[in-house]
């Protein structure tokens, strides 16, 4: 509810939209550039391996390793604790990165709004 209110009621002009591309250049503010994110597995490979749609993200390779380990050690899936930990760690890192990108976009939108108001005044 809080995100809904911030997005549509209190700050509709400075909240990034969830379903759109970023409005600012991803390299803006990085003088030395950024390391581009890349998928370890292609979309065709994920389709061939029948990875569920909700798992087709930057951690798909970890999900695949976990799924394979669970298949090999079927009744004793506790042996896959290391793979599960790696997958969860990857998922948390991906989530954190997405949150940082959202916050960066929000701050850049607020900055742009301040600049536009200063030009008008």
N, C-alpha and C. Protein backbone atom coordinates (compact mmCIF):
# COMPACT_ATOMS: atom_id res chain seq x y z
N UNK A 1 0.82 -1.19 0.00
CA UNK A 1 0.00 0.00 0.00
C UNK A 1 0.87 1.26 0.00
N UNK A 2 1.96 1.25 0.74
CA UNK A 2 2.81 2.42 0.80
C UNK A 2 3.39 2.78 -0.55
N UNK A 3 3.81 1.78 -1.31
CA UNK A 3 4.37 2.05 -2.64
C UNK A 3 3.30 2.58 -3.57
N UNK A 4 2.09 2.08 -3.45
CA UNK A 4 0.98 2.56 -4.28
C UNK A 4 0.72 4.03 -4.00
N UNK A 5 0.68 4.40 -2.72
CA UNK A 5 0.40 5.79 -2.36
C UNK A 5 1.52 6.70 -2.86
N UNK A 6 2.78 6.27 -2.68
CA UNK A 6 3.90 7.09 -3.14
C UNK A 6 3.90 7.22 -4.66
N UNK A 7 3.56 6.14 -5.35
CA UNK A 7 3.62 6.15 -6.81
C UNK A 7 2.49 6.98 -7.42
N UNK A 8 1.29 6.85 -6.89
CA UNK A 8 0.14 7.47 -7.55
C UNK A 8 -0.46 8.67 -6.83
N UNK A 9 -0.11 8.90 -5.55
CA UNK A 9 -0.75 9.97 -4.81
C UNK A 9 0.24 11.06 -4.41
N UNK A 10 1.24 10.72 -3.62
CA UNK A 10 2.11 11.75 -3.06
C UNK A 10 3.23 12.18 -4.01
N UNK A 11 3.85 11.25 -4.74
CA UNK A 11 4.98 11.58 -5.62
C UNK A 11 4.84 10.92 -7.00
N UNK A 12 3.77 11.20 -7.72
CA UNK A 12 3.60 10.50 -9.01
C UNK A 12 4.62 10.90 -10.06
N UNK A 13 5.21 12.09 -9.93
CA UNK A 13 6.14 12.56 -10.95
C UNK A 13 7.58 12.12 -10.71
N UNK A 14 7.91 11.67 -9.50
CA UNK A 14 9.29 11.28 -9.22
C UNK A 14 9.45 9.80 -8.87
N UNK A 15 8.39 9.02 -8.96
CA UNK A 15 8.51 7.58 -8.69
C UNK A 15 8.65 6.84 -10.02
N UNK A 16 9.68 6.00 -10.14
CA UNK A 16 9.84 5.23 -11.38
C UNK A 16 8.69 4.25 -11.58
N UNK A 17 8.32 4.05 -12.80
CA UNK A 17 7.29 3.08 -13.12
C UNK A 17 7.91 1.69 -13.18
N UNK A 18 7.25 0.73 -12.59
CA UNK A 18 7.81 -0.62 -12.47
C UNK A 18 7.93 -1.34 -13.81
N UNK A 19 7.02 -1.09 -14.72
CA UNK A 19 6.96 -1.87 -15.96
C UNK A 19 7.58 -1.17 -17.15
N UNK A 20 8.39 -0.14 -16.92
CA UNK A 20 9.02 0.57 -18.03
C UNK A 20 10.54 0.51 -17.89
N UNK A 21 11.19 0.86 -18.97
CA UNK A 21 12.65 0.91 -18.97
C UNK A 21 13.12 2.15 -18.20
N UNK A 22 14.34 2.14 -17.70
CA UNK A 22 14.86 3.34 -17.02
C UNK A 22 14.90 4.53 -17.98
N UNK A 23 14.63 5.70 -17.44
CA UNK A 23 14.59 6.89 -18.29
C UNK A 23 15.96 7.53 -18.46
N UNK A 24 16.91 7.20 -17.59
CA UNK A 24 18.24 7.79 -17.66
C UNK A 24 19.24 6.77 -18.19
N UNK A 25 20.31 7.30 -18.75
CA UNK A 25 21.38 6.45 -19.27
C UNK A 25 21.99 5.64 -18.13
N UNK A 26 22.12 4.31 -18.29
CA UNK A 26 22.69 3.49 -17.22
C UNK A 26 24.13 3.86 -16.88
N UNK A 27 24.84 4.50 -17.80
CA UNK A 27 26.23 4.88 -17.55
C UNK A 27 26.35 6.29 -16.95
N UNK A 28 25.22 6.98 -16.81
CA UNK A 28 25.23 8.35 -16.29
C UNK A 28 25.73 8.35 -14.84
N UNK A 29 26.79 9.11 -14.59
CA UNK A 29 27.35 9.22 -13.25
C UNK A 29 28.47 8.24 -12.97
N UNK A 30 28.80 7.39 -13.92
CA UNK A 30 29.88 6.43 -13.75
C UNK A 30 31.00 6.80 -14.73
N UNK A 31 32.02 7.46 -14.22
CA UNK A 31 33.08 7.95 -15.10
C UNK A 31 33.88 6.81 -15.72
N UNK A 32 34.07 5.74 -14.99
CA UNK A 32 34.85 4.61 -15.49
C UNK A 32 33.97 3.54 -16.13
N UNK A 33 32.68 3.79 -16.18
CA UNK A 33 31.77 2.82 -16.77
C UNK A 33 31.31 1.79 -15.75
N UNK A 34 30.43 0.93 -16.19
CA UNK A 34 29.88 -0.11 -15.34
C UNK A 34 30.07 -1.46 -16.01
N UNK A 35 30.16 -2.46 -15.19
CA UNK A 35 30.24 -3.82 -15.72
C UNK A 35 28.82 -4.24 -16.12
N UNK A 36 28.61 -4.57 -17.39
CA UNK A 36 27.25 -4.94 -17.81
C UNK A 36 26.84 -6.29 -17.23
N UNK A 37 25.57 -6.39 -16.87
CA UNK A 37 25.05 -7.66 -16.36
C UNK A 37 24.77 -8.56 -17.55
N UNK A 38 25.09 -9.81 -17.39
CA UNK A 38 24.84 -10.75 -18.48
C UNK A 38 24.26 -12.04 -17.92
N UNK A 39 23.39 -12.62 -18.72
CA UNK A 39 22.79 -13.89 -18.35
C UNK A 39 23.80 -15.00 -18.61
N UNK A 40 23.90 -15.93 -17.68
CA UNK A 40 24.83 -17.05 -17.84
C UNK A 40 24.25 -18.10 -18.79
N UNK A 41 22.91 -18.15 -18.88
CA UNK A 41 22.24 -19.12 -19.74
C UNK A 41 21.35 -18.34 -20.71
N UNK A 42 21.35 -18.73 -21.97
CA UNK A 42 20.53 -18.04 -22.96
C UNK A 42 19.06 -18.43 -22.78
N UNK A 43 18.19 -17.62 -23.36
CA UNK A 43 16.75 -17.88 -23.28
C UNK A 43 16.39 -19.20 -23.96
N UNK A 44 17.07 -19.52 -25.05
CA UNK A 44 16.78 -20.78 -25.75
C UNK A 44 17.16 -21.98 -24.87
N UNK A 45 18.29 -21.87 -24.17
CA UNK A 45 18.70 -22.96 -23.28
C UNK A 45 17.72 -23.11 -22.12
N UNK A 46 17.24 -22.00 -21.60
CA UNK A 46 16.28 -22.08 -20.50
C UNK A 46 14.98 -22.72 -20.96
N UNK A 47 14.58 -22.40 -22.19
CA UNK A 47 13.37 -23.04 -22.72
C UNK A 47 13.59 -24.52 -22.93
N UNK A 48 14.77 -24.89 -23.44
CA UNK A 48 15.07 -26.31 -23.68
C UNK A 48 15.16 -27.08 -22.37
N UNK A 49 15.68 -26.45 -21.32
CA UNK A 49 15.80 -27.11 -20.02
C UNK A 49 14.52 -27.03 -19.20
N UNK A 50 13.49 -26.37 -19.75
CA UNK A 50 12.18 -26.24 -19.13
C UNK A 50 12.25 -25.60 -17.74
N UNK A 51 13.05 -24.57 -17.65
CA UNK A 51 13.12 -23.80 -16.41
C UNK A 51 11.84 -22.98 -16.32
N UNK A 52 11.16 -22.99 -15.17
CA UNK A 52 9.91 -22.23 -15.04
C UNK A 52 10.11 -20.74 -15.33
N UNK A 53 9.07 -20.09 -15.83
CA UNK A 53 9.17 -18.68 -16.20
C UNK A 53 9.58 -17.80 -15.03
N UNK A 54 9.10 -18.10 -13.83
CA UNK A 54 9.44 -17.25 -12.70
C UNK A 54 10.87 -17.46 -12.21
N UNK A 55 11.59 -18.43 -12.75
CA UNK A 55 12.98 -18.67 -12.37
C UNK A 55 13.96 -18.24 -13.46
N UNK A 56 13.45 -17.69 -14.55
CA UNK A 56 14.33 -17.28 -15.66
C UNK A 56 14.85 -15.87 -15.43
N UNK A 57 15.85 -15.77 -14.59
CA UNK A 57 16.44 -14.49 -14.27
C UNK A 57 17.96 -14.65 -14.24
N UNK A 58 18.65 -13.72 -13.60
CA UNK A 58 20.11 -13.77 -13.56
C UNK A 58 20.63 -14.90 -12.69
N UNK A 59 19.78 -15.57 -11.94
CA UNK A 59 20.20 -16.69 -11.09
C UNK A 59 19.76 -18.03 -11.66
N UNK A 60 19.41 -18.07 -12.92
CA UNK A 60 18.90 -19.30 -13.52
C UNK A 60 19.96 -20.41 -13.50
N UNK A 61 21.23 -20.05 -13.66
CA UNK A 61 22.28 -21.07 -13.64
C UNK A 61 22.41 -21.70 -12.25
N UNK A 62 22.19 -20.92 -11.20
CA UNK A 62 22.22 -21.46 -9.84
C UNK A 62 20.99 -22.34 -9.58
N UNK A 63 19.84 -21.90 -10.12
CA UNK A 63 18.63 -22.70 -9.99
C UNK A 63 18.81 -24.05 -10.68
N UNK A 64 19.45 -24.02 -11.84
CA UNK A 64 19.68 -25.25 -12.58
C UNK A 64 20.58 -26.20 -11.80
N UNK A 65 21.64 -25.68 -11.19
CA UNK A 65 22.53 -26.51 -10.37
C UNK A 65 21.80 -27.09 -9.18
N UNK A 66 20.96 -26.29 -8.54
CA UNK A 66 20.18 -26.78 -7.39
C UNK A 66 19.20 -27.85 -7.82
N UNK A 67 18.52 -27.62 -8.92
CA UNK A 67 17.54 -28.60 -9.42
C UNK A 67 18.22 -29.92 -9.79
N UNK A 68 19.38 -29.84 -10.40
CA UNK A 68 20.13 -31.05 -10.77
C UNK A 68 20.58 -31.80 -9.53
N UNK A 69 21.06 -31.08 -8.53
CA UNK A 69 21.48 -31.72 -7.28
C UNK A 69 20.31 -32.41 -6.61
N UNK A 70 19.16 -31.75 -6.60
CA UNK A 70 17.97 -32.37 -5.99
C UNK A 70 17.55 -33.61 -6.75
N UNK A 71 17.73 -33.59 -8.06
CA UNK A 71 17.38 -34.76 -8.86
C UNK A 71 18.32 -35.93 -8.57
N UNK A 72 19.60 -35.63 -8.42
CA UNK A 72 20.59 -36.69 -8.16
C UNK A 72 20.41 -37.29 -6.77
N UNK A 73 20.23 -36.44 -5.77
CA UNK A 73 20.16 -36.90 -4.37
C UNK A 73 18.72 -36.94 -3.89
N UNK A 74 17.79 -37.45 -4.71
CA UNK A 74 16.37 -37.28 -4.47
C UNK A 74 15.90 -37.45 -3.02
N UNK A 75 15.94 -38.60 -2.42
CA UNK A 75 15.31 -38.61 -1.10
C UNK A 75 16.10 -37.83 -0.05
N UNK A 76 17.39 -37.63 -0.31
CA UNK A 76 18.25 -36.95 0.66
C UNK A 76 18.65 -35.57 0.14
N UNK A 77 17.67 -34.70 0.00
CA UNK A 77 17.93 -33.39 -0.59
C UNK A 77 18.67 -32.45 0.35
N UNK A 78 18.90 -32.87 1.58
CA UNK A 78 19.70 -32.06 2.48
C UNK A 78 21.15 -31.97 2.01
N UNK A 79 21.54 -32.89 1.15
CA UNK A 79 22.89 -32.85 0.59
C UNK A 79 23.08 -31.67 -0.36
N UNK A 80 21.99 -31.02 -0.72
CA UNK A 80 22.06 -29.89 -1.65
C UNK A 80 22.04 -28.56 -0.92
N UNK A 81 22.39 -28.55 0.33
CA UNK A 81 22.35 -27.32 1.12
C UNK A 81 23.29 -26.26 0.54
N UNK A 82 24.45 -26.69 0.06
CA UNK A 82 25.41 -25.74 -0.50
C UNK A 82 24.84 -25.07 -1.75
N UNK A 83 24.23 -25.85 -2.64
CA UNK A 83 23.64 -25.30 -3.85
C UNK A 83 22.47 -24.39 -3.51
N UNK A 84 21.66 -24.78 -2.52
CA UNK A 84 20.53 -23.93 -2.10
C UNK A 84 21.05 -22.60 -1.56
N UNK A 85 22.11 -22.66 -0.77
CA UNK A 85 22.69 -21.44 -0.22
C UNK A 85 23.21 -20.54 -1.34
N UNK A 86 23.88 -21.12 -2.32
CA UNK A 86 24.39 -20.32 -3.44
C UNK A 86 23.24 -19.69 -4.22
N UNK A 87 22.16 -20.44 -4.45
CA UNK A 87 21.02 -19.90 -5.17
C UNK A 87 20.38 -18.76 -4.38
N UNK A 88 20.17 -18.96 -3.09
CA UNK A 88 19.56 -17.91 -2.26
C UNK A 88 20.44 -16.67 -2.20
N UNK A 89 21.75 -16.86 -2.13
CA UNK A 89 22.68 -15.74 -2.11
C UNK A 89 22.61 -14.97 -3.42
N UNK A 90 22.56 -15.67 -4.53
CA UNK A 90 22.44 -15.02 -5.84
C UNK A 90 21.13 -14.25 -5.93
N UNK A 91 20.06 -14.84 -5.43
CA UNK A 91 18.75 -14.21 -5.48
C UNK A 91 18.74 -12.92 -4.66
N UNK A 92 19.34 -12.95 -3.48
CA UNK A 92 19.39 -11.76 -2.62
C UNK A 92 20.25 -10.68 -3.27
N UNK A 93 21.37 -11.05 -3.87
CA UNK A 93 22.22 -10.08 -4.55
C UNK A 93 21.49 -9.44 -5.73
N UNK A 94 20.74 -10.24 -6.49
CA UNK A 94 19.98 -9.72 -7.61
C UNK A 94 18.89 -8.77 -7.13
N UNK A 95 18.20 -9.15 -6.07
CA UNK A 95 17.14 -8.31 -5.50
C UNK A 95 17.72 -6.99 -5.01
N UNK A 96 18.85 -7.05 -4.32
CA UNK A 96 19.50 -5.85 -3.82
C UNK A 96 19.91 -4.93 -4.96
N UNK A 97 20.44 -5.50 -6.02
CA UNK A 97 20.84 -4.70 -7.17
C UNK A 97 19.64 -4.02 -7.83
N UNK A 98 18.53 -4.76 -7.94
CA UNK A 98 17.33 -4.16 -8.52
C UNK A 98 16.79 -3.04 -7.64
N UNK A 99 16.86 -3.21 -6.32
CA UNK A 99 16.43 -2.14 -5.40
C UNK A 99 17.32 -0.91 -5.55
N UNK A 100 18.61 -1.13 -5.68
CA UNK A 100 19.53 0.00 -5.86
C UNK A 100 19.26 0.73 -7.16
N UNK A 101 18.96 -0.01 -8.22
CA UNK A 101 18.65 0.62 -9.50
C UNK A 101 17.35 1.42 -9.41
N UNK A 102 16.37 0.90 -8.71
CA UNK A 102 15.10 1.62 -8.52
C UNK A 102 15.35 2.92 -7.76
N UNK A 103 16.12 2.83 -6.68
CA UNK A 103 16.42 4.01 -5.87
C UNK A 103 17.23 5.03 -6.67
N UNK A 104 18.16 4.57 -7.49
CA UNK A 104 18.95 5.47 -8.35
C UNK A 104 18.03 6.20 -9.31
N UNK A 105 17.13 5.47 -9.92
CA UNK A 105 16.18 6.09 -10.86
C UNK A 105 15.31 7.11 -10.14
N UNK A 106 14.84 6.79 -8.95
CA UNK A 106 13.99 7.71 -8.19
C UNK A 106 14.75 9.00 -7.85
N UNK A 107 15.99 8.85 -7.40
CA UNK A 107 16.79 10.02 -7.04
C UNK A 107 17.12 10.88 -8.27
N UNK A 108 17.38 10.23 -9.40
CA UNK A 108 17.65 11.00 -10.62
C UNK A 108 16.40 11.74 -11.08
N UNK A 109 15.22 11.13 -10.92
CA UNK A 109 13.98 11.82 -11.27
C UNK A 109 13.75 13.02 -10.36
N UNK A 110 14.03 12.87 -9.07
CA UNK A 110 13.89 14.00 -8.15
C UNK A 110 14.89 15.11 -8.49
N UNK A 111 16.09 14.72 -8.84
CA UNK A 111 17.11 15.71 -9.23
C UNK A 111 16.68 16.46 -10.48
N UNK A 112 16.16 15.72 -11.46
CA UNK A 112 15.68 16.35 -12.69
C UNK A 112 14.54 17.32 -12.40
N UNK A 113 13.65 16.95 -11.47
CA UNK A 113 12.55 17.83 -11.10
C UNK A 113 13.07 19.12 -10.46
N UNK A 114 14.07 19.01 -9.58
CA UNK A 114 14.66 20.20 -8.95
C UNK A 114 15.33 21.10 -9.99
N UNK A 115 16.02 20.49 -10.94
CA UNK A 115 16.69 21.27 -12.00
C UNK A 115 15.65 22.00 -12.85
N UNK A 116 14.57 21.31 -13.20
CA UNK A 116 13.51 21.92 -14.01
C UNK A 116 12.86 23.08 -13.26
N UNK A 117 12.64 22.92 -11.95
CA UNK A 117 12.03 23.99 -11.16
C UNK A 117 12.98 25.18 -11.04
N UNK A 118 14.28 24.92 -10.94
CA UNK A 118 15.24 26.03 -10.85
C UNK A 118 15.32 26.79 -12.16
N UNK A 119 15.17 26.10 -13.28
CA UNK A 119 15.20 26.76 -14.59
C UNK A 119 13.96 27.64 -14.76
N UNK A 120 12.81 27.14 -14.31
CA UNK A 120 11.56 27.89 -14.43
C UNK A 120 11.56 29.14 -13.55
N UNK A 121 12.26 29.07 -12.41
CA UNK A 121 12.23 30.21 -11.46
C UNK A 121 13.15 31.32 -11.86
